[in-house]
Amino acid sequence: WKSTVIIRIPDDPIEPGRQIWTYYTHMATKEGT
């Protein structure tokens, strides 16, 4: 992953008891730095 991270949230604050993930991307220059 050049431009991406994902964060695991063990306990969903909207629906407690389920696990969800937050995904962030496009964190790189146009060349892929």
PDB file of all heavy atoms in Angstrom:
ATOM      1  N   TRP A   1       0.837  -1.199   0.000  1.00  0.00           N
ATOM      2  CA  TRP A   1       0.000   0.000   0.000  1.00  0.00           C
ATOM      3  C   TRP A   1       0.876   1.255   0.000  1.00  0.00           C
ATOM      4  O   TRP A   1       1.554   1.553   0.984  1.00  0.00           O
ATOM      5  CB  TRP A   1      -0.906   0.008   1.219  1.00  0.00           C
ATOM      6  CG  TRP A   1      -2.135  -0.856   1.064  1.00  0.00           C
ATOM      7  CD1 TRP A   1      -2.476  -1.596  -0.016  1.00  0.00           C
ATOM      8  CD2 TRP A   1      -3.173  -1.048   2.029  1.00  0.00           C
ATOM      9  NE1 TRP A   1      -3.662  -2.252   0.197  1.00  0.00           N
ATOM     10  CE2 TRP A   1      -4.113  -1.929   1.448  1.00  0.00           C
ATOM     11  CE3 TRP A   1      -3.396  -0.573   3.318  1.00  0.00           C
ATOM     12  CZ2 TRP A   1      -5.257  -2.342   2.128  1.00  0.00           C
ATOM     13  CZ3 TRP A   1      -4.529  -0.985   3.989  1.00  0.00           C
ATOM     14  CH2 TRP A   1      -5.455  -1.854   3.399  1.00  0.00           C
ATOM     15  N   LYS A   2       0.843   2.007  -1.086  1.00  0.00           N
ATOM     16  CA  LYS A   2       1.602   3.255  -1.184  1.00  0.00           C
ATOM     17  C   LYS A   2       0.860   4.428  -0.555  1.00  0.00           C
ATOM     18  O   LYS A   2       1.494   5.349  -0.028  1.00  0.00           O
ATOM     19  CB  LYS A   2       1.885   3.584  -2.658  1.00  0.00           C
ATOM     20  CG  LYS A   2       2.799   2.603  -3.366  1.00  0.00           C
ATOM     21  CD  LYS A   2       3.041   3.044  -4.806  1.00  0.00           C
ATOM     22  CE  LYS A   2       3.975   2.088  -5.516  1.00  0.00           C
ATOM     23  NZ  LYS A   2       4.239   2.515  -6.918  1.00  0.00           N
ATOM     24  N   SER A   3      -0.453   4.419  -0.640  1.00  0.00           N
ATOM     25  CA  SER A   3      -1.216   5.622  -0.294  1.00  0.00           C
ATOM     26  C   SER A   3      -2.351   5.358   0.687  1.00  0.00           C
ATOM     27  O   SER A   3      -3.185   6.233   0.904  1.00  0.00           O
ATOM     28  CB  SER A   3      -1.810   6.230  -1.573  1.00  0.00           C
ATOM     29  OG  SER A   3      -2.793   5.376  -2.133  1.00  0.00           O
ATOM     30  N   THR A   4      -2.360   4.190   1.299  1.00  0.00           N
ATOM     31  CA  THR A   4      -3.541   3.743   2.031  1.00  0.00           C
ATOM     32  C   THR A   4      -3.203   3.205   3.412  1.00  0.00           C
ATOM     33  O   THR A   4      -2.180   2.552   3.591  1.00  0.00           O
ATOM     34  CB  THR A   4      -4.256   2.632   1.232  1.00  0.00           C
ATOM     35  OG1 THR A   4      -4.518   3.092  -0.088  1.00  0.00           O
ATOM     36  CG2 THR A   4      -5.537   2.193   1.897  1.00  0.00           C
ATOM     37  N   VAL A   5      -4.086   3.484   4.369  1.00  0.00           N
ATOM     38  CA  VAL A   5      -4.075   2.790   5.659  1.00  0.00           C
ATOM     39  C   VAL A   5      -5.506   2.417   5.997  1.00  0.00           C
ATOM     40  O   VAL A   5      -6.462   2.988   5.473  1.00  0.00           O
ATOM     41  CB  VAL A   5      -3.463   3.637   6.797  1.00  0.00           C
ATOM     42  CG1 VAL A   5      -2.024   4.021   6.499  1.00  0.00           C
ATOM     43  CG2 VAL A   5      -4.308   4.881   7.084  1.00  0.00           C
ATOM     44  N   ILE A   6      -5.663   1.447   6.885  1.00  0.00           N
ATOM     45  CA  ILE A   6      -6.986   1.054   7.355  1.00  0.00           C
ATOM     46  C   ILE A   6      -6.911   0.876   8.868  1.00  0.00           C
ATOM     47  O   ILE A   6      -5.889   0.413   9.393  1.00  0.00           O
ATOM     48  CB  ILE A   6      -7.476  -0.227   6.645  1.00  0.00           C
ATOM     49  CG1 ILE A   6      -8.976  -0.418   6.857  1.00  0.00           C
ATOM     50  CG2 ILE A   6      -6.665  -1.458   7.067  1.00  0.00           C
ATOM     51  CD1 ILE A   6      -9.601  -1.418   5.890  1.00  0.00           C
ATOM     52  N   ILE A   7      -7.956   1.290   9.555  1.00  0.00           N
ATOM     53  CA  ILE A   7      -7.961   1.261  11.021  1.00  0.00           C
ATOM     54  C   ILE A   7      -9.112   0.383  11.511  1.00  0.00           C
ATOM     55  O   ILE A   7     -10.277   0.610  11.165  1.00  0.00           O
ATOM     56  CB  ILE A   7      -8.073   2.682  11.603  1.00  0.00           C
ATOM     57  CG1 ILE A   7      -6.842   3.508  11.186  1.00  0.00           C
ATOM     58  CG2 ILE A   7      -8.209   2.638  13.124  1.00  0.00           C
ATOM     59  CD1 ILE A   7      -6.887   4.958  11.629  1.00  0.00           C
ATOM     60  N   ARG A   8      -8.760  -0.597  12.307  1.00  0.00           N
ATOM     61  CA  ARG A   8      -9.734  -1.530  12.881  1.00  0.00           C
ATOM     62  C   ARG A   8     -10.349  -0.919  14.131  1.00  0.00           C
ATOM     63  O   ARG A   8      -9.641  -0.490  15.041  1.00  0.00           O
ATOM     64  CB  ARG A   8      -9.035  -2.855  13.212  1.00  0.00           C
ATOM     65  CG  ARG A   8      -9.943  -3.918  13.820  1.00  0.00           C
ATOM     66  CD  ARG A   8      -9.186  -5.229  13.999  1.00  0.00           C
ATOM     67  NE  ARG A   8      -8.097  -5.113  14.963  1.00  0.00           N
ATOM     68  CZ  ARG A   8      -8.235  -5.282  16.277  1.00  0.00           C
ATOM     69  NH1 ARG A   8      -9.435  -5.553  16.798  1.00  0.00           N
ATOM     70  NH2 ARG A   8      -7.182  -5.173  17.071  1.00  0.00           N
ATOM     71  N   ILE A   9     -11.677  -0.902  14.179  1.00  0.00           N
ATOM     72  CA  ILE A   9     -12.405  -0.425  15.353  1.00  0.00           C
ATOM     73  C   ILE A   9     -13.141  -1.629  15.933  1.00  0.00           C
ATOM     74  O   ILE A   9     -14.139  -2.098  15.361  1.00  0.00           O
ATOM     75  CB  ILE A   9     -13.387   0.708  14.984  1.00  0.00           C
ATOM     76  CG1 ILE A   9     -12.608   1.901  14.389  1.00  0.00           C
ATOM     77  CG2 ILE A   9     -14.214   1.140  16.191  1.00  0.00           C
ATOM     78  CD1 ILE A   9     -13.481   3.006  13.847  1.00  0.00           C
ATOM     79  N   PRO A  10     -12.653  -2.173  17.052  1.00  0.00           N
ATOM     80  CA  PRO A  10     -13.211  -3.437  17.566  1.00  0.00           C
ATOM     81  C   PRO A  10     -14.676  -3.367  17.961  1.00  0.00           C
ATOM     82  O   PRO A  10     -15.387  -4.368  17.874  1.00  0.00           O
ATOM     83  CB  PRO A  10     -12.327  -3.735  18.782  1.00  0.00           C
ATOM     84  CG  PRO A  10     -11.077  -2.947  18.563  1.00  0.00           C
ATOM     85  CD  PRO A  10     -11.502  -1.718  17.834  1.00  0.00           C
ATOM     86  N   ASP A  11     -15.123  -2.179  18.409  1.00  0.00           N
ATOM     87  CA  ASP A  11     -16.500  -2.050  18.894  1.00  0.00           C
ATOM     88  C   ASP A  11     -17.154  -0.851  18.219  1.00  0.00           C
ATOM     89  O   ASP A  11     -16.881   0.301  18.570  1.00  0.00           O
ATOM     90  CB  ASP A  11     -16.497  -1.879  20.413  1.00  0.00           C
ATOM     91  CG  ASP A  11     -17.872  -2.081  21.029  1.00  0.00           C
ATOM     92  OD1 ASP A  11     -18.712  -2.768  20.416  1.00  0.00           O
ATOM     93  OD2 ASP A  11     -18.117  -1.537  22.121  1.00  0.00           O
ATOM     94  N   ASP A  12     -17.985  -1.117  17.247  1.00  0.00           N
ATOM     95  CA  ASP A  12     -18.675  -0.082  16.478  1.00  0.00           C
ATOM     96  C   ASP A  12     -19.478   0.833  17.417  1.00  0.00           C
ATOM     97  O   ASP A  12     -20.343   0.347  18.155  1.00  0.00           O
ATOM     98  CB  ASP A  12     -19.608  -0.776  15.483  1.00  0.00           C
ATOM     99  CG  ASP A  12     -20.351   0.178  14.563  1.00  0.00           C
ATOM    100  OD1 ASP A  12     -20.384   1.388  14.836  1.00  0.00           O
ATOM    101  OD2 ASP A  12     -20.899  -0.314  13.558  1.00  0.00           O
ATOM    102  N   PRO A  13     -19.207   2.152  17.407  1.00  0.00           N
ATOM    103  CA  PRO A  13     -19.933   3.039  18.322  1.00  0.00           C
ATOM    104  C   PRO A  13     -21.411   3.211  17.968  1.00  0.00           C
ATOM    105  O   PRO A  13     -22.198   3.629  18.814  1.00  0.00           O
ATOM    106  CB  PRO A  13     -19.180   4.371  18.203  1.00  0.00           C
ATOM    107  CG  PRO A  13     -18.535   4.317  16.853  1.00  0.00           C
ATOM    108  CD  PRO A  13     -18.184   2.871  16.629  1.00  0.00           C
ATOM    109  N   ILE A  14     -21.793   2.884  16.744  1.00  0.00           N
ATOM    110  CA  ILE A  14     -23.193   2.985  16.336  1.00  0.00           C
ATOM    111  C   ILE A  14     -23.924   1.664  16.568  1.00  0.00           C
ATOM    112  O   ILE A  14     -25.072   1.640  17.000  1.00  0.00           O
ATOM    113  CB  ILE A  14     -23.304   3.407  14.855  1.00  0.00           C
ATOM    114  CG1 ILE A  14     -22.697   4.800  14.652  1.00  0.00           C
ATOM    115  CG2 ILE A  14     -24.756   3.380  14.383  1.00  0.00           C
ATOM    116  CD1 ILE A  14     -23.397   5.925  15.382  1.00  0.00           C
ATOM    117  N   GLU A  15     -23.258   0.561  16.284  1.00  0.00           N
ATOM    118  CA  GLU A  15     -23.820  -0.769  16.545  1.00  0.00           C
ATOM    119  C   GLU A  15     -22.842  -1.555  17.408  1.00  0.00           C
ATOM    120  O   GLU A  15     -22.037  -2.345  16.903  1.00  0.00           O
ATOM    121  CB  GLU A  15     -24.103  -1.515  15.238  1.00  0.00           C
ATOM    122  CG  GLU A  15     -25.249  -0.945  14.441  1.00  0.00           C
ATOM    123  CD  GLU A  15     -25.731  -1.890  13.346  1.00  0.00           C
ATOM    124  OE1 GLU A  15     -25.504  -3.110  13.483  1.00  0.00           O
ATOM    125  OE2 GLU A  15     -26.317  -1.402  12.378  1.00  0.00           O
ATOM    126  N   PRO A  16     -22.868  -1.343  18.729  1.00  0.00           N
ATOM    127  CA  PRO A  16     -21.921  -2.023  19.620  1.00  0.00           C
ATOM    128  C   PRO A  16     -21.961  -3.537  19.452  1.00  0.00           C
ATOM    129  O   PRO A  16     -23.014  -4.130  19.233  1.00  0.00           O
ATOM    130  CB  PRO A  16     -22.420  -1.605  21.018  1.00  0.00           C
ATOM    131  CG  PRO A  16     -23.110  -0.293  20.794  1.00  0.00           C
ATOM    132  CD  PRO A  16     -23.765  -0.425  19.444  1.00  0.00           C
ATOM    133  N   GLY A  17     -20.760  -4.119  19.511  1.00  0.00           N
ATOM    134  CA  GLY A  17     -20.653  -5.563  19.393  1.00  0.00           C
ATOM    135  C   GLY A  17     -20.120  -6.029  18.058  1.00  0.00           C
ATOM    136  O   GLY A  17     -19.689  -7.179  17.935  1.00  0.00           O
ATOM    137  N   ARG A  18     -20.152  -5.156  17.056  1.00  0.00           N
ATOM    138  CA  ARG A  18     -19.579  -5.561  15.768  1.00  0.00           C
ATOM    139  C   ARG A  18     -18.293  -4.787  15.514  1.00  0.00           C
ATOM    140  O   ARG A  18     -18.109  -3.659  16.001  1.00  0.00           O
ATOM    141  CB  ARG A  18     -20.556  -5.356  14.616  1.00  0.00           C
ATOM    142  CG  ARG A  18     -20.794  -3.907  14.201  1.00  0.00           C
ATOM    143  CD  ARG A  18     -21.625  -3.841  12.931  1.00  0.00           C
ATOM    144  NE  ARG A  18     -21.899  -2.446  12.562  1.00  0.00           N
ATOM    145  CZ  ARG A  18     -22.575  -2.081  11.471  1.00  0.00           C
ATOM    146  NH1 ARG A  18     -23.053  -3.015  10.659  1.00  0.00           N
ATOM    147  NH2 ARG A  18     -22.787  -0.797  11.204  1.00  0.00           N
ATOM    148  N   GLN A  19     -17.410  -5.379  14.747  1.00  0.00           N
ATOM    149  CA  GLN A  19     -16.153  -4.741  14.379  1.00  0.00           C
ATOM    150  C   GLN A  19     -16.287  -4.083  13.002  1.00  0.00           C
ATOM    151  O   GLN A  19     -16.896  -4.648  12.094  1.00  0.00           O
ATOM    152  CB  GLN A  19     -15.025  -5.775  14.354  1.00  0.00           C
ATOM    153  CG  GLN A  19     -13.661  -5.200  13.972  1.00  0.00           C
ATOM    154  CD  GLN A  19     -12.524  -6.129  14.317  1.00  0.00           C
ATOM    155  OE1 GLN A  19     -12.044  -6.138  15.447  1.00  0.00           O
ATOM    156  NE2 GLN A  19     -12.080  -6.932  13.355  1.00  0.00           N
ATOM    157  N   ILE A  20     -15.719  -2.881  12.864  1.00  0.00           N
ATOM    158  CA  ILE A  20     -15.701  -2.183  11.583  1.00  0.00           C
ATOM    159  C   ILE A  20     -14.291  -1.656  11.335  1.00  0.00           C
ATOM    160  O   ILE A  20     -13.419  -1.726  12.210  1.00  0.00           O
ATOM    161  CB  ILE A  20     -16.705  -1.006  11.538  1.00  0.00           C
ATOM    162  CG1 ILE A  20     -16.423  -0.005  12.681  1.00  0.00           C
ATOM    163  CG2 ILE A  20     -18.139  -1.508  11.587  1.00  0.00           C
ATOM    164  CD1 ILE A  20     -17.232   1.280  12.599  1.00  0.00           C
ATOM    165  N   TRP A  21     -14.072  -1.134  10.125  1.00  0.00           N
ATOM    166  CA  TRP A  21     -12.775  -0.612   9.726  1.00  0.00           C
ATOM    167  C   TRP A  21     -12.956   0.743   9.041  1.00  0.00           C
ATOM    168  O   TRP A  21     -13.906   0.929   8.276  1.00  0.00           O
ATOM    169  CB  TRP A  21     -12.104  -1.571   8.742  1.00  0.00           C
ATOM    170  CG  TRP A  21     -11.954  -2.985   9.212  1.00  0.00           C
ATOM    171  CD1 TRP A  21     -12.945  -3.922   9.342  1.00  0.00           C
ATOM    172  CD2 TRP A  21     -10.735  -3.630   9.610  1.00  0.00           C
ATOM    173  NE1 TRP A  21     -12.422  -5.110   9.801  1.00  0.00           N
ATOM    174  CE2 TRP A  21     -11.067  -4.966   9.959  1.00  0.00           C
ATOM    175  CE3 TRP A  21      -9.400  -3.223   9.679  1.00  0.00           C
ATOM    176  CZ2 TRP A  21     -10.113  -5.891  10.387  1.00  0.00           C
ATOM    177  CZ3 TRP A  21      -8.450  -4.147  10.100  1.00  0.00           C
ATOM    178  CH2 TRP A  21      -8.812  -5.461  10.455  1.00  0.00           C
ATOM    179  N   THR A  22     -12.051   1.690   9.310  1.00  0.00           N
ATOM    180  CA  THR A  22     -12.068   2.956   8.581  1.00  0.00           C
ATOM    181  C   THR A  22     -10.883   2.990   7.614  1.00  0.00           C
ATOM    182  O   THR A  22      -9.763   2.650   7.989  1.00  0.00           O
ATOM    183  CB  THR A  22     -12.028   4.162   9.533  1.00  0.00           C
ATOM    184  OG1 THR A  22     -10.954   4.013  10.477  1.00  0.00           O
ATOM    185  CG2 THR A  22     -13.338   4.292  10.283  1.00  0.00           C
ATOM    186  N   TYR A  23     -11.154   3.406   6.395  1.00  0.00           N
ATOM    187  CA  TYR A  23     -10.215   3.276   5.279  1.00  0.00           C
ATOM    188  C   TYR A  23      -9.880   4.669   4.744  1.00  0.00           C
ATOM    189  O   TYR A  23     -10.778   5.474   4.474  1.00  0.00           O
ATOM    190  CB  TYR A  23     -10.907   2.428   4.216  1.00  0.00           C
ATOM    191  CG  TYR A  23     -10.158   2.161   2.934  1.00  0.00           C
ATOM    192  CD1 TYR A  23      -9.326   1.053   2.806  1.00  0.00           C
ATOM    193  CD2 TYR A  23     -10.344   2.975   1.817  1.00  0.00           C
ATOM    194  CE1 TYR A  23      -8.684   0.769   1.601  1.00  0.00           C
ATOM    195  CE2 TYR A  23      -9.707   2.703   0.615  1.00  0.00           C
ATOM    196  CZ  TYR A  23      -8.875   1.604   0.514  1.00  0.00           C
ATOM    197  OH  TYR A  23      -8.247   1.325  -0.680  1.00  0.00           O
ATOM    198  N   TYR A  24      -8.582   4.944   4.597  1.00  0.00           N
ATOM    199  CA  TYR A  24      -8.100   6.257   4.153  1.00  0.00           C
ATOM    200  C   TYR A  24      -7.155   6.038   2.970  1.00  0.00           C
ATOM    201  O   TYR A  24      -6.172   5.280   3.086  1.00  0.00           O
ATOM    202  CB  TYR A  24      -7.311   6.957   5.259  1.00  0.00           C
ATOM    203  CG  TYR A  24      -8.008   7.062   6.599  1.00  0.00           C
ATOM    204  CD1 TYR A  24      -8.175   5.949   7.427  1.00  0.00           C
ATOM    205  CD2 TYR A  24      -8.476   8.296   7.066  1.00  0.00           C
ATOM    206  CE1 TYR A  24      -8.791   6.052   8.661  1.00  0.00           C
ATOM    207  CE2 TYR A  24      -9.097   8.403   8.303  1.00  0.00           C
ATOM    208  CZ  TYR A  24      -9.252   7.284   9.088  1.00  0.00           C
ATOM    209  OH  TYR A  24      -9.867   7.393  10.316  1.00  0.00           O
ATOM    210  N   THR A  25      -7.388   6.736   1.851  1.00  0.00           N
ATOM    211  CA  THR A  25      -6.504   6.516   0.711  1.00  0.00           C
ATOM    212  C   THR A  25      -6.294   7.788  -0.109  1.00  0.00           C
ATOM    213  O   THR A  25      -6.930   8.803   0.140  1.00  0.00           O
ATOM    214  CB  THR A  25      -7.027   5.368  -0.184  1.00  0.00           C
ATOM    215  OG1 THR A  25      -5.992   4.957  -1.076  1.00  0.00           O
ATOM    216  CG2 THR A  25      -8.260   5.776  -0.954  1.00  0.00           C
ATOM    217  N   HIS A  26      -5.394   7.707  -1.089  1.00  0.00           N
ATOM    218  CA  HIS A  26      -4.879   8.793  -1.949  1.00  0.00           C
ATOM    219  C   HIS A  26      -3.804   9.606  -1.230  1.00  0.00           C
ATOM    220  O   HIS A  26      -3.569  10.762  -1.592  1.00  0.00           O
ATOM    221  CB  HIS A  26      -5.992   9.703  -2.474  1.00  0.00           C
ATOM    222  CG  HIS A  26      -6.996   8.981  -3.326  1.00  0.00           C
ATOM    223  ND1 HIS A  26      -6.642   8.260  -4.442  1.00  0.00           N
ATOM    224  CD2 HIS A  26      -8.345   8.852  -3.205  1.00  0.00           C
ATOM    225  CE1 HIS A  26      -7.727   7.718  -4.984  1.00  0.00           C
ATOM    226  NE2 HIS A  26      -8.764   8.051  -4.239  1.00  0.00           N
ATOM    227  N   MET A  27      -3.130   9.000  -0.269  1.00  0.00           N
ATOM    228  CA  MET A  27      -2.033   9.669   0.425  1.00  0.00           C
ATOM    229  C   MET A  27      -0.706   9.375  -0.283  1.00  0.00           C
ATOM    230  O   MET A  27       0.181   8.696   0.240  1.00  0.00           O
ATOM    231  CB  MET A  27      -1.981   9.234   1.896  1.00  0.00           C
ATOM    232  CG  MET A  27      -3.148   9.735   2.709  1.00  0.00           C
ATOM    233  SD  MET A  27      -3.035   9.338   4.476  1.00  0.00           S
ATOM    234  CE  MET A  27      -3.430   7.585   4.454  1.00  0.00           C
ATOM    235  N   ALA A  28      -0.587   9.876  -1.523  1.00  0.00           N
ATOM    236  CA  ALA A  28       0.648   9.758  -2.304  1.00  0.00           C
ATOM    237  C   ALA A  28       0.587  10.766  -3.440  1.00  0.00           C
ATOM    238  O   ALA A  28      -0.491  11.244  -3.815  1.00  0.00           O
ATOM    239  CB  ALA A  28       0.830   8.344  -2.855  1.00  0.00           C
ATOM    240  N   THR A  29       1.752  11.096  -3.989  1.00  0.00           N
ATOM    241  CA  THR A  29       1.803  11.990  -5.146  1.00  0.00           C
ATOM    242  C   THR A  29       1.357  11.234  -6.390  1.00  0.00           C
ATOM    243  O   THR A  29       1.208  10.011  -6.379  1.00  0.00           O
ATOM    244  CB  THR A  29       3.227  12.520  -5.366  1.00  0.00           C
ATOM    245  OG1 THR A  29       4.068  11.406  -5.756  1.00  0.00           O
ATOM    246  CG2 THR A  29       3.789  13.140  -4.101  1.00  0.00           C
ATOM    247  N   LYS A  30       1.187  11.954  -7.482  1.00  0.00           N
ATOM    248  CA  LYS A  30       0.706  11.325  -8.711  1.00  0.00           C
ATOM    249  C   LYS A  30       1.659  10.246  -9.226  1.00  0.00           C
ATOM    250  O   LYS A  30       1.251   9.313  -9.919  1.00  0.00           O
ATOM    251  CB  LYS A  30       0.470  12.377  -9.794  1.00  0.00           C
ATOM    252  CG  LYS A  30       1.715  13.095 -10.273  1.00  0.00           C
ATOM    253  CD  LYS A  30       1.363  14.133 -11.337  1.00  0.00           C
ATOM    254  CE  LYS A  30       2.612  14.852 -11.845  1.00  0.00           C
ATOM    255  NZ  LYS A  30       2.271  15.876 -12.868  1.00  0.00           N
ATOM    256  N   GLU A  31       2.952  10.364  -8.863  1.00  0.00           N
ATOM    257  CA  GLU A  31       3.931   9.360  -9.288  1.00  0.00           C
ATOM    258  C   GLU A  31       3.944   8.138  -8.384  1.00  0.00           C
ATOM    259  O   GLU A  31       4.584   7.129  -8.692  1.00  0.00           O
ATOM    260  CB  GLU A  31       5.337   9.964  -9.333  1.00  0.00           C
ATOM    261  CG  GLU A  31       5.530  11.063 -10.367  1.00  0.00           C
ATOM    262  CD  GLU A  31       5.069  12.424  -9.852  1.00  0.00           C
ATOM    263  OE1 GLU A  31       4.782  12.533  -8.623  1.00  0.00           O
ATOM    264  OE2 GLU A  31       4.985  13.371 -10.650  1.00  0.00           O
ATOM    265  N   GLY A  32       3.276   8.229  -7.221  1.00  0.00           N
ATOM    266  CA  GLY A  32       3.243   7.109  -6.296  1.00  0.00           C
ATOM    267  C   GLY A  32       4.182   7.249  -5.116  1.00  0.00           C
ATOM    268  O   GLY A  32       4.392   6.291  -4.373  1.00  0.00           O
ATOM    269  N   THR A  33       4.748   8.451  -4.920  1.00  0.00           N
ATOM    270  CA  THR A  33       5.572   8.688  -3.736  1.00  0.00           C
ATOM    271  C   THR A  33       4.658   8.833  -2.520  1.00  0.00           C
ATOM    272  O   THR A  33       3.791   9.708  -2.493  1.00  0.00           O
ATOM    273  CB  THR A  33       6.419   9.960  -3.892  1.00  0.00           C
ATOM    274  OG1 THR A  33       7.280   9.809  -5.022  1.00  0.00           O
ATOM    275  CG2 THR A  33       7.260  10.213  -2.646  1.00  0.00           C
TER     276      THR A  33
END
